[in-house]
Structure formats: structure tokens, C-alpha cells
Amino acid sequence: ILGEHLRICPQGYTCCTSEMEENFANKSRSEFEAMMKEAGRAVQATLTAQHRSFDSYFQDLLNKSEKALHDAFPSLYGELYTQNAKVFKDLYSELRRYYRSSNINLEEALNEFWTRLLERLFKLLNPQYHITDEYLDCMVKHAEQHKPFGEVPRELKLKATRAFIAARSYAQGFLVGSDVVRKVSQVSLSQECTRAIMKLMYCPHCRGMASVRPCNNYCLNVVKGCLANQADLSTEWKYLMDSLMGVADRIDGPYNVDTVIGTIHMRIAEAISNLQENKDSITSKVFQGCGNPKISTKGSSSEDKKRRGKVTLEAKSSAQALEMLVLDAKGNLTALKTYWITLPSSLCSKKVMASSVSDDKCWNGMTKGSYLPEVMGDGLANQINNPEVEVDITKPDMTIRQQIMQLKIMTNRLGNANIGNDVDFQDTSE
């Protein structure tokens, strides 16, 4: 029949009615959207898997350190530990909350831990005195000038802070990347794009050329026009992938996450030993500054409280596991860097099954022949003369612009983490 009734396909002789054309248009739209989602899901799966493997590795490091502490400290320190177990438990809880991006100042949390520990231990190491809360406040001010725990608090603060900042921004970087892909793959196709996709995929059927595949360059122009906004994610997306790789090198290199996090319990043991060894000089300096506290009527000098622990804790290294994690992540991140700009060619070659470039027996949008127009560049601005899809280059898609901003924010956080700076995080634990 004559094709004057067709609204999308060429109006020569056709075997399609208006209804068939409309059905094909809907079919091509849903098929193309499904291809987009499928491509996006593969990227999301890769990023989510990377997040999951690093996250479980990191949580495991913390758990092992805490378990080693709870296993070893009762026999090392007796009541020094058993009466103060909550102080240690709270420290690990705070560290976990910080890693999960709660709004916690890590330096303050560590300072608070050392202060609480000093107060508790000072009381236990001086059981013959009645020590009030006011006296403890004065004691902390005086004692801290004399480094009761040695250099451990300062060193741990520096190293743990850098390691935690890097670890949590790294873990969150994967989630942000995955979330951007998810949100972008929900962006619906424009009316012009839907028409162009139909013309590309199903108009050959209406001309009785169902077996003729679309010309590759024709397919590229259609898909580049349809995904013009998505291609504009590419620059910031590459920056995010590069930043994640940069922080991965820090985690496995100078920030030495495995050693720093895996030996927190050993550093605490070292600090307590320092306090036990310096007990007499610290106590006399405190008494000079704060006066002598009253003698307690419940004086006790149980040996258990005075037990001195010699630190024989071991750290089981999982450095090799971290090295493998980082290698795997870097391989995946490198492969994903060009995702947005290679998407049109991968959709055309794998899904639309376009024919090879030199083929002059392919579907060119009108008939079987060669496709002459040049292939457009990537991104919105380059679609101004796209012969297949009418694109309004003055109206960028707002969802995609928001996602470009999310990528920028995350890359900035990773850049800060790379030099050991902390940045505000959204709480992702909800």
C-alpha cells in the first residue's frame, strides 16, 4: 500500500498500517530504554560489588582489632580493663559510626576516648584516694601536659584520621557512582528521540527489509542525539574514576589502612603500658597542681588492679587481601572511565546490531544503501546539526545536570581525602 498515512517512516510503498507503525514506535522505545537500563545495571553491579568487597574488608579489620582487644586485655590488665570495658567498646562504636559517614568529628572522638581512659585509669591506679569529678577535671588538665600515654594518642590521631578519611570517602565514591548511573538511566527519551529510534530499528520492517541492518554511522548519530545529555557526564565521571584510583593508592600505600586500623588495639595497649610506667611521676605532678586528694576509707590495693601488662599482642596482617582489592578496583575503574562516551557505539554494535561502517547495503533511514552524513561529536553542544535527531541544545536535562554536580562534590571529597583533609559527608546510613 502507499505510505501516505505513515508519520515516522518514509512514505513510499509500505506494508505497515498506522496502527502497526504506532506499535513499532512503542516497541522500539521500550526496547531501547531496556538496553540503556541493562547497560547501566552492569555498571551499577560493578561499582556496588567493589563497594561491598572494600566495605566488608574494612569492617572486618575493625572487628578483628576490637575482638583482639577484648580477648587479650582482661588477662593483661585485669580490673583496669574489666571495669572500663565500655570505654573501649564506645571507641570502636564511634569509629564505625564515623566510617559510615555519621556527622562525627573523629579527632574529638579520639580525644574524648583518651580523656575518659585517663580518668578511669587514674582512679584505679590510685585506689587509696577519694577522687571527685572536680578533681578529675583538674587532673586531666595537668596530666595531659605531661603526655601520660606517651606519643601514642598524637600518632594514632594522625594516622587513624588519614586512614579513616580515605576509607570512608573511597567506600562512598563507589556508591555515589552507582547512584548516578541509576538516576540517569531513569531519564526518559524525548519525543524526537523516540521517532528516530523507531525509524532506525523498525522502519525497515515497514519497507519489507526486516533483514537489513542499520548503517553503523546512522545508528551512532541517532544514539548520540538521544543520549546527548548523558554524554555530558563523561568529564566528571572520568574525574571520579581517577580520584577513586588515587585514593586506592593511598589506602594501600602511605595511609597504610591495613596496619593502622588492624593495630589500634596494640597502640592502646602500648599507651596503657606507658601510663603504668609513668604512674608515679604523673601522679606527683597532678598532686602538685591540684593538691592531694582525700584518703579513701575504702582503700584497696588489690594486686589485680596494679597488674602490669607486658604487651604481647599480635597483628594478623591482611595486607595481601587489600592489595588484591585495590588491584581489582583499579582494573574495573579504568574500564569504566569511558562508559558514557562509548555507550552509543556499544549499544549500536551489541544491541541494535548495526552493520559494518563500509557497508553500502545497510538501512540508512530511507532505503537500503550507504549512509553519507558525518558522525556527530559527543555531548549536547555537538548535536546542533544532528541530521537524525532534533536536539534543543539550549535546554540541558536537569536530572543529568544534578548528577554532574553530585559527581563533582564526590570528586572534591576524594581529592581532600587524598591529602588527608576531612570534608562534610551526607549520612548514608539511613
Protein backbone atom coordinates (compact mmCIF):
# COMPACT_ATOMS: atom_id res chain seq x y z
CA ILE A 1 0.00 0.00 0.00
CA LEU A 2 1.01 3.63 -0.39
CA GLY A 3 2.57 5.00 2.79
CA GLU A 4 0.94 8.45 2.92
CA HIS A 5 -0.58 7.59 6.30
CA LEU A 6 2.83 6.98 7.92
CA ARG A 7 4.00 9.63 10.39
CA ILE A 8 7.52 8.37 11.13
CA CYS A 9 8.66 6.02 8.37
CA PRO A 10 9.36 7.07 4.74
CA GLN A 11 6.08 7.45 2.85
CA GLY A 12 6.81 5.17 -0.13
CA TYR A 13 5.21 1.77 -0.60
CA THR A 14 4.78 0.07 2.76
CA CYS A 15 3.38 -2.98 4.46
CA CYS A 16 2.59 -1.07 7.69
CA THR A 17 -0.72 0.45 8.75
CA SER A 18 -0.81 3.49 11.07
CA GLU A 19 -1.57 1.17 13.96
CA MET A 20 1.41 -1.06 13.15
CA GLU A 21 3.66 1.97 12.94
CA GLU A 22 2.49 3.14 16.35
CA ASN A 23 3.03 -0.33 17.84
CA PHE A 24 6.54 -0.44 16.39
CA ALA A 25 7.24 3.03 17.81
CA ASN A 26 6.23 1.89 21.32
CA LYS A 27 8.14 -1.37 20.93
CA SER A 28 11.34 0.37 19.79
CA ARG A 29 11.10 2.87 22.63
CA SER A 30 10.72 0.22 25.32
CA GLU A 31 13.46 -1.92 23.75
CA PHE A 32 15.90 0.99 23.64
CA GLU A 33 15.10 2.00 27.22
CA ALA A 34 15.64 -1.61 28.29
CA MET A 35 19.06 -1.64 26.54
CA MET A 36 20.00 1.55 28.36
CA LYS A 37 18.93 0.15 31.73
CA GLU A 38 20.74 -3.12 31.10
CA ALA A 39 23.98 -1.28 30.27
CA GLY A 40 23.52 0.87 33.39
CA ARG A 41 22.80 -2.13 35.60
CA ALA A 42 26.08 -3.75 34.59
CA VAL A 43 27.99 -0.61 35.68
CA GLN A 44 25.98 -0.37 38.91
CA ALA A 45 26.70 -4.02 39.65
CA THR A 46 30.45 -3.49 39.17
CA LEU A 47 30.56 -0.42 41.43
CA THR A 48 28.33 -1.97 44.09
CA ALA A 49 30.47 -5.13 44.14
CA GLN A 50 33.61 -3.00 44.61
CA HIS A 51 31.95 -1.14 47.46
CA ARG A 52 30.80 -4.36 49.08
CA SER A 53 34.21 -6.03 48.97
CA PHE A 54 36.06 -3.00 50.37
CA ASP A 55 33.38 -2.37 52.98
CA SER A 56 33.45 -5.94 54.30
CA TYR A 57 37.27 -5.90 54.32
CA PHE A 58 37.34 -2.64 56.32
CA GLN A 59 34.61 -3.64 58.78
CA ASP A 60 36.42 -6.95 59.26
CA LEU A 61 39.66 -5.10 60.10
CA LEU A 62 37.87 -3.10 62.79
CA ASN A 63 36.06 -6.15 64.15
CA LYS A 64 39.28 -8.16 64.40
CA SER A 65 41.06 -5.34 66.20
CA GLU A 66 38.19 -4.97 68.68
CA LYS A 67 37.99 -8.72 69.23
CA ALA A 68 41.76 -8.94 69.81
CA LEU A 69 41.43 -6.17 72.41
CA HIS A 70 38.51 -7.82 74.22
CA ASP A 71 40.28 -11.21 74.13
CA ALA A 72 43.67 -10.04 75.39
CA PHE A 73 43.00 -7.13 77.75
CA PRO A 74 41.29 -8.99 80.63
CA SER A 75 44.38 -11.15 81.22
CA LEU A 76 46.76 -8.24 80.53
CA TYR A 77 45.11 -5.61 82.71
CA GLY A 78 42.56 -7.32 84.95
CA GLU A 79 40.22 -4.77 86.51
CA LEU A 80 41.87 -1.92 84.67
CA TYR A 81 40.11 -3.41 81.68
CA THR A 82 37.06 -5.22 83.04
CA GLN A 83 35.78 -2.17 84.92
CA ASN A 84 36.27 0.03 81.88
CA ALA A 85 35.30 -2.25 79.01
CA LYS A 86 32.61 0.22 77.93
CA VAL A 87 35.19 2.95 77.24
CA PHE A 88 36.86 0.69 74.67
CA LYS A 89 33.57 -0.52 73.23
CA ASP A 90 32.43 3.08 72.79
CA LEU A 91 35.62 3.96 70.92
CA TYR A 92 35.04 1.23 68.34
CA SER A 93 31.37 2.24 68.04
CA GLU A 94 32.40 5.83 67.33
CA LEU A 95 34.96 4.68 64.76
CA ARG A 96 32.29 2.63 62.99
CA ARG A 97 29.82 5.50 63.04
CA TYR A 98 32.43 7.81 61.57
CA TYR A 99 33.22 5.34 58.80
CA ARG A 100 29.52 5.05 57.97
CA SER A 101 29.54 8.82 57.42
CA SER A 102 27.71 9.93 60.53
CA ASN A 103 28.29 13.51 61.49
CA ILE A 104 31.12 12.81 63.93
CA ASN A 105 34.37 14.69 64.44
CA LEU A 106 36.93 11.89 64.52
CA GLU A 107 39.63 13.90 66.31
CA GLU A 108 37.18 14.85 69.05
CA ALA A 109 36.05 11.23 69.40
CA LEU A 110 39.67 10.09 69.86
CA ASN A 111 40.44 12.92 72.32
CA GLU A 112 37.33 12.01 74.29
CA PHE A 113 38.46 8.37 74.45
CA TRP A 114 41.90 9.23 75.85
CA THR A 115 40.39 11.64 78.39
CA ARG A 116 37.85 9.09 79.63
CA LEU A 117 40.50 6.38 79.75
CA LEU A 118 42.86 8.63 81.72
CA GLU A 119 40.13 9.49 84.25
CA ARG A 120 39.19 5.84 84.80
CA LEU A 121 42.76 4.56 85.00
CA PHE A 122 43.92 7.37 87.29
CA LYS A 123 41.23 6.39 89.77
CA LEU A 124 42.05 2.70 89.54
CA LEU A 125 45.79 3.26 89.83
CA ASN A 126 45.23 5.39 92.95
CA PRO A 127 42.60 3.38 94.85
CA GLN A 128 43.70 4.73 98.24
CA TYR A 129 42.34 8.20 97.40
CA HIS A 130 38.82 9.54 97.19
CA ILE A 131 38.85 11.31 93.80
CA THR A 132 35.92 13.61 92.92
CA ASP A 133 34.77 14.63 89.43
CA GLU A 134 36.10 18.16 90.02
CA TYR A 135 39.47 16.71 90.95
CA LEU A 136 39.44 14.59 87.77
CA ASP A 137 38.85 17.70 85.62
CA CYS A 138 41.90 19.32 87.21
CA MET A 139 43.90 16.08 86.88
CA VAL A 140 43.20 15.83 83.13
CA LYS A 141 44.37 19.42 82.54
CA HIS A 142 47.64 18.82 84.40
CA ALA A 143 48.33 15.27 83.30
CA GLU A 144 47.83 15.86 79.57
CA GLN A 145 50.68 18.38 79.51
CA HIS A 146 52.97 15.53 80.60
CA LYS A 147 51.82 13.02 77.94
CA PRO A 148 50.65 10.25 80.29
CA PHE A 149 50.15 7.85 77.37
CA GLY A 150 53.40 8.84 75.64
CA GLU A 151 53.26 9.71 71.94
CA VAL A 152 50.55 7.14 71.13
CA PRO A 153 47.50 9.49 71.15
CA ARG A 154 49.17 12.01 68.83
CA GLU A 155 50.46 9.36 66.41
CA LEU A 156 47.22 7.41 66.39
CA LYS A 157 45.19 10.57 65.78
CA LEU A 158 47.31 11.48 62.77
CA LYS A 159 47.41 8.03 61.21
CA ALA A 160 43.90 6.84 62.05
CA THR A 161 42.33 10.10 60.90
CA ARG A 162 44.02 9.90 57.50
CA ALA A 163 43.18 6.21 57.11
CA PHE A 164 39.51 6.67 58.09
CA ILE A 165 39.00 9.75 55.90
CA ALA A 166 40.43 7.85 52.92
CA ALA A 167 38.47 4.67 53.65
CA ARG A 168 35.09 6.29 54.05
CA SER A 169 35.37 8.61 51.04
CA TYR A 170 36.59 5.65 48.97
CA ALA A 171 33.65 3.48 50.05
CA GLN A 172 31.19 6.28 49.40
CA GLY A 173 32.68 7.10 46.00
CA PHE A 174 31.52 3.73 44.64
CA LEU A 175 28.01 4.25 46.00
CA VAL A 176 27.75 7.75 44.51
CA GLY A 177 28.92 6.47 41.11
CA SER A 178 26.37 3.67 41.19
CA ASP A 179 23.59 6.03 42.26
CA VAL A 180 24.39 8.47 39.44
CA VAL A 181 24.06 5.66 36.87
CA ARG A 182 20.77 4.53 38.43
CA LYS A 183 19.25 8.01 38.34
CA VAL A 184 20.48 8.76 34.83
CA SER A 185 19.11 5.51 33.42
CA GLN A 186 15.65 6.63 34.57
CA VAL A 187 15.75 9.75 32.36
CA SER A 188 13.02 9.32 29.74
CA LEU A 189 13.60 9.69 26.00
CA SER A 190 12.39 12.79 24.17
CA GLN A 191 9.64 12.60 21.53
CA GLU A 192 12.20 13.37 18.79
CA CYS A 193 14.45 10.60 20.05
CA THR A 194 11.59 8.07 20.12
CA ARG A 195 10.78 8.83 16.47
CA ALA A 196 14.44 8.49 15.46
CA ILE A 197 14.81 5.16 17.30
CA MET A 198 11.68 3.82 15.59
CA LYS A 199 12.98 4.91 12.18
CA LEU A 200 16.30 3.23 12.94
CA MET A 201 15.01 -0.07 14.28
CA TYR A 202 11.61 -0.81 12.73
CA CYS A 203 11.03 1.29 9.60
CA PRO A 204 12.98 -1.32 7.55
CA HIS A 205 10.20 -3.79 8.52
CA CYS A 206 7.60 -1.46 7.01
CA ARG A 207 9.58 -1.44 3.74
CA GLY A 208 9.83 -5.23 3.66
CA MET A 209 13.52 -5.07 4.58
CA ALA A 210 13.36 -6.71 8.00
CA SER A 211 16.71 -8.44 7.49
CA VAL A 212 18.59 -5.25 6.52
CA ARG A 213 20.60 -3.93 9.43
CA PRO A 214 21.01 -0.19 10.11
CA CYS A 215 24.19 1.54 8.87
CA ASN A 216 26.63 1.93 11.75
CA ASN A 217 27.16 5.70 11.36
CA TYR A 218 23.41 6.21 11.06
CA CYS A 219 22.91 4.29 14.31
CA LEU A 220 25.65 6.34 16.01
CA ASN A 221 24.03 9.65 15.06
CA VAL A 222 20.64 8.51 16.36
CA VAL A 223 22.02 7.25 19.67
CA LYS A 224 24.36 10.24 20.15
CA GLY A 225 21.39 12.54 19.57
CA CYS A 226 19.25 10.56 22.02
CA LEU A 227 21.98 10.38 24.67
CA ALA A 228 23.40 13.88 24.15
CA ASN A 229 22.86 14.89 27.78
CA GLN A 230 24.21 11.61 29.14
CA ALA A 231 27.49 12.09 27.24
CA ASP A 232 27.99 15.37 29.13
CA LEU A 233 28.53 13.31 32.29
CA SER A 234 31.73 11.95 30.80
CA THR A 235 34.26 14.55 32.00
CA GLU A 236 33.17 14.49 35.65
CA TRP A 237 32.70 10.73 35.53
CA LYS A 238 36.32 10.28 34.42
CA TYR A 239 37.46 12.58 37.24
CA LEU A 240 35.54 10.45 39.76
CA MET A 241 37.11 7.22 38.48
CA ASP A 242 40.59 8.81 38.57
CA SER A 243 40.02 10.16 42.09
CA LEU A 244 38.91 6.75 43.33
CA MET A 245 42.09 5.24 41.88
CA GLY A 246 44.17 7.95 43.56
CA VAL A 247 42.64 7.24 46.97
CA ALA A 248 43.00 3.48 46.37
CA ASP A 249 46.76 4.04 46.06
CA ARG A 250 46.76 5.96 49.35
CA ILE A 251 44.80 3.26 51.15
CA ASP A 252 47.21 0.57 50.03
CA GLY A 253 50.25 2.87 50.24
CA PRO A 254 51.21 5.72 52.56
CA TYR A 255 47.98 5.68 54.61
CA ASN A 256 48.53 2.01 55.21
CA VAL A 257 44.94 1.27 56.22
CA ASP A 258 45.67 -2.38 56.94
CA THR A 259 48.35 -1.67 59.54
CA VAL A 260 46.79 1.45 61.07
CA ILE A 261 43.28 0.07 61.57
CA GLY A 262 44.38 -3.51 62.22
CA THR A 263 46.66 -2.50 65.12
CA ILE A 264 44.51 0.04 67.02
CA HIS A 265 44.28 -2.41 69.95
CA MET A 266 48.07 -2.72 70.07
CA ARG A 267 48.54 1.04 70.17
CA ILE A 268 46.05 1.30 73.05
CA ALA A 269 47.93 -1.43 74.94
CA GLU A 270 51.16 0.47 74.37
CA ALA A 271 49.53 3.66 75.70
CA ILE A 272 48.28 1.92 78.87
CA SER A 273 51.74 0.46 79.48
CA ASN A 274 53.20 3.97 79.14
CA LEU A 275 50.76 5.24 81.75
CA GLN A 276 51.58 2.38 84.14
CA GLU A 277 55.29 3.06 83.79
CA ASN A 278 54.87 6.83 84.27
CA LYS A 279 52.28 6.48 87.02
CA ASP A 280 54.41 7.83 89.88
CA SER A 281 55.76 10.90 88.09
CA ILE A 282 52.34 11.75 86.58
CA THR A 283 50.65 11.35 89.98
CA SER A 284 53.14 13.60 91.76
CA LYS A 285 52.78 16.29 89.07
CA VAL A 286 49.00 16.12 89.37
CA PHE A 287 49.20 16.36 93.17
CA GLN A 288 51.44 19.42 92.81
CA GLY A 289 48.97 21.13 90.50
CA CYS A 290 45.67 20.01 92.02
CA GLY A 291 46.55 19.34 95.66
CA ASN A 292 46.41 15.98 97.44
CA PRO A 293 43.03 14.25 97.24
CA LYS A 294 41.47 12.89 100.44
CA ILE A 295 42.44 9.42 101.59
CA SER A 296 39.64 6.99 100.84
CA THR A 297 38.08 4.98 103.63
CA LYS A 298 37.56 2.11 101.17
CA GLY A 299 41.27 1.99 100.35
CA SER A 300 42.26 -1.06 98.41
CA SER A 301 45.47 -2.19 96.89
CA SER A 302 44.33 -5.35 95.21
CA GLU A 303 47.13 -6.77 93.12
CA ASP A 304 44.69 -7.27 90.28
CA LYS A 305 44.34 -3.53 89.86
CA LYS A 306 48.05 -2.99 89.77
CA ARG A 307 48.76 -5.72 87.29
CA ARG A 308 51.21 -4.57 84.67
CA GLY A 309 50.59 -5.92 81.24
CA LYS A 310 53.50 -6.68 79.01
CA VAL A 311 52.22 -6.22 75.51
CA THR A 312 52.38 -9.48 73.62
CA LEU A 313 49.58 -8.74 71.19
CA GLU A 314 49.98 -9.75 67.58
CA ALA A 315 48.62 -8.13 64.47
CA LYS A 316 47.46 -10.51 61.79
CA SER A 317 48.12 -8.76 58.52
CA SER A 318 45.62 -8.81 55.70
CA ALA A 319 47.77 -6.55 53.53
CA GLN A 320 47.70 -9.02 50.67
CA ALA A 321 43.90 -9.01 50.66
CA LEU A 322 43.94 -5.21 50.47
CA GLU A 323 46.46 -5.26 47.64
CA MET A 324 44.23 -7.61 45.64
CA LEU A 325 41.15 -5.48 46.37
CA VAL A 326 42.89 -2.34 45.14
CA LEU A 327 44.24 -4.05 42.01
CA ASP A 328 40.79 -5.37 41.16
CA ALA A 329 39.18 -1.98 41.79
CA LYS A 330 41.69 -0.15 39.61
CA GLY A 331 41.12 -2.57 36.74
CA ASN A 332 37.36 -2.03 36.93
CA LEU A 333 37.62 1.74 37.33
CA THR A 334 39.91 2.01 34.30
CA ALA A 335 37.43 0.02 32.22
CA LEU A 336 34.53 2.24 33.34
CA LYS A 337 36.23 5.59 32.67
CA THR A 338 34.94 5.93 29.11
CA TYR A 339 31.49 4.46 29.81
CA TRP A 340 29.38 7.47 28.82
CA ILE A 341 31.08 8.28 25.53
CA THR A 342 31.47 4.68 24.40
CA LEU A 343 27.83 3.91 25.23
CA PRO A 344 26.49 4.83 21.73
CA SER A 345 28.97 2.58 19.90
CA SER A 346 28.47 -0.29 22.35
CA LEU A 347 24.66 -0.02 22.01
CA CYS A 348 24.93 0.12 18.21
CA SER A 349 27.30 -2.81 17.89
CA LYS A 350 25.89 -5.11 20.56
CA LYS A 351 22.22 -4.31 20.73
CA VAL A 352 20.96 -2.61 17.59
CA MET A 353 23.25 -4.91 15.57
CA ALA A 354 24.28 -2.18 13.15
CA SER A 355 26.23 -3.34 10.12
CA SER A 356 29.87 -2.53 9.46
CA VAL A 357 30.95 1.02 8.54
CA SER A 358 31.80 0.41 4.88
CA ASP A 359 28.57 -1.43 4.13
CA ASP A 360 26.52 0.19 1.36
CA LYS A 361 23.73 -2.35 1.68
CA CYS A 362 22.52 -1.18 5.07
CA TRP A 363 19.41 0.72 6.20
CA ASN A 364 20.17 4.45 6.06
CA GLY A 365 16.82 5.71 7.32
CA MET A 366 15.22 5.92 3.87
CA THR A 367 16.23 2.81 2.00
CA LYS A 368 18.92 0.18 1.55
CA GLY A 369 22.16 1.94 0.60
CA SER A 370 25.08 3.77 2.15
CA TYR A 371 24.88 6.48 4.82
CA LEU A 372 26.60 9.72 3.86
CA PRO A 373 26.27 12.25 6.75
CA GLU A 374 29.24 12.52 9.11
CA VAL A 375 29.09 11.21 12.65
CA MET A 376 28.40 13.88 15.28
CA GLY A 377 30.70 14.55 18.24
CA ASP A 378 29.72 13.68 21.82
CA GLY A 379 27.56 15.71 24.17
CA LEU A 380 24.75 18.23 23.90
CA ALA A 381 26.56 21.10 22.18
CA ASN A 382 27.77 18.83 19.36
CA GLN A 383 24.24 17.84 18.35
CA ILE A 384 23.38 21.22 16.85
CA ASN A 385 23.47 19.78 13.31
CA ASN A 386 22.49 16.19 14.07
CA PRO A 387 20.70 15.03 10.88
CA GLU A 388 18.70 12.31 12.66
CA VAL A 389 17.50 13.75 15.97
CA GLU A 390 16.38 17.29 16.55
CA VAL A 391 18.09 18.29 19.81
CA ASP A 392 17.47 21.58 21.62
CA ILE A 393 21.00 22.31 22.79
CA THR A 394 19.80 25.27 24.89
CA LYS A 395 17.83 23.01 27.27
CA PRO A 396 20.08 20.62 29.19
CA ASP A 397 18.33 17.87 31.13
CA MET A 398 18.06 18.97 34.77
CA THR A 399 18.33 15.47 36.29
CA ILE A 400 21.61 14.93 34.47
CA ARG A 401 22.93 18.38 35.47
CA GLN A 402 22.19 17.49 39.11
CA GLN A 403 24.08 14.23 38.72
CA ILE A 404 27.06 16.06 37.20
CA MET A 405 27.04 18.18 40.37
CA GLN A 406 26.94 15.03 42.56
CA LEU A 407 29.99 13.69 40.72
CA LYS A 408 31.84 17.00 41.26
CA ILE A 409 31.06 17.01 45.00
CA MET A 410 32.25 13.41 45.44
CA THR A 411 35.43 14.01 43.42
CA ASN A 412 36.16 17.02 45.62
CA ARG A 413 35.77 14.87 48.75
CA LEU A 414 38.12 12.26 47.34
CA GLY A 415 40.63 14.97 46.42
CA ASN A 416 40.55 16.18 50.02
CA ALA A 417 40.87 12.63 51.35
CA ASN A 418 43.91 12.20 49.13
CA ILE A 419 45.73 14.88 51.13
CA GLY A 420 44.28 13.83 54.49
CA ASN A 421 41.60 16.52 54.78
CA ASP A 422 38.19 15.77 56.20
CA VAL A 423 35.06 17.02 54.48
CA ASP A 424 31.40 17.04 55.43
CA PHE A 425 29.54 13.92 54.44
CA GLN A 426 25.90 13.20 53.97
CA ASP A 427 24.71 10.46 56.27
CA THR A 428 24.26 7.35 54.14
CA SER A 429 23.28 5.07 56.98
CA GLU A 430 19.56 5.76 56.70
